[in-house]
């Protein structure tokens, strides 16, 4: 992560990073759920 970003840019980067993380987590949980079903 780049720590030298100014306020708004830093917040925007954090927001996109968090949304990416939640997408990855939901992907993983869905995959685990389907693996348990099979």
Protein backbone atom coordinates (compact mmCIF):
# COMPACT_ATOMS: atom_id res chain seq x y z
CA UNK A 1 0.00 0.00 0.00
CA UNK A 2 1.19 3.51 -0.75
CA UNK A 3 1.20 5.48 2.48
CA UNK A 4 2.10 8.82 0.88
CA UNK A 5 -1.29 9.43 -0.74
CA UNK A 6 -3.35 12.47 0.16
CA UNK A 7 -6.59 12.00 2.14
CA UNK A 8 -9.17 11.49 -0.62
CA UNK A 9 -6.88 9.30 -2.75
CA UNK A 10 -6.00 7.15 0.25
CA UNK A 11 -9.64 6.68 1.20
CA UNK A 12 -10.56 5.77 -2.37
CA UNK A 13 -7.72 3.22 -2.52
CA UNK A 14 -8.85 1.72 0.79
CA UNK A 15 -12.44 1.49 -0.44
CA UNK A 16 -11.50 -0.31 -3.65
CA UNK A 17 -9.17 -2.62 -1.74
CA UNK A 18 -11.90 -3.48 0.76
CA UNK A 19 -14.46 -4.17 -1.97
CA UNK A 20 -11.93 -6.42 -3.73
CA UNK A 21 -11.31 -8.24 -0.45
CA UNK A 22 -15.02 -8.81 0.20
CA UNK A 23 -15.46 -10.09 -3.36
CA UNK A 24 -12.58 -12.55 -2.89
CA UNK A 25 -13.98 -13.67 0.46
CA UNK A 26 -17.47 -14.27 -0.96
CA UNK A 27 -15.89 -16.18 -3.86
CA UNK A 28 -13.98 -18.39 -1.43
CA UNK A 29 -17.02 -19.03 0.78
CA UNK A 30 -19.17 -19.92 -2.25
CA UNK A 31 -16.47 -22.28 -3.51
CA UNK A 32 -16.17 -23.94 -0.10
CA UNK A 33 -19.95 -24.31 0.10
CA UNK A 34 -20.15 -25.96 -3.33
CA UNK A 35 -17.25 -28.28 -2.43
CA UNK A 36 -19.09 -29.38 0.72
CA UNK A 37 -22.25 -30.10 -1.30
CA UNK A 38 -20.48 -32.38 -3.79
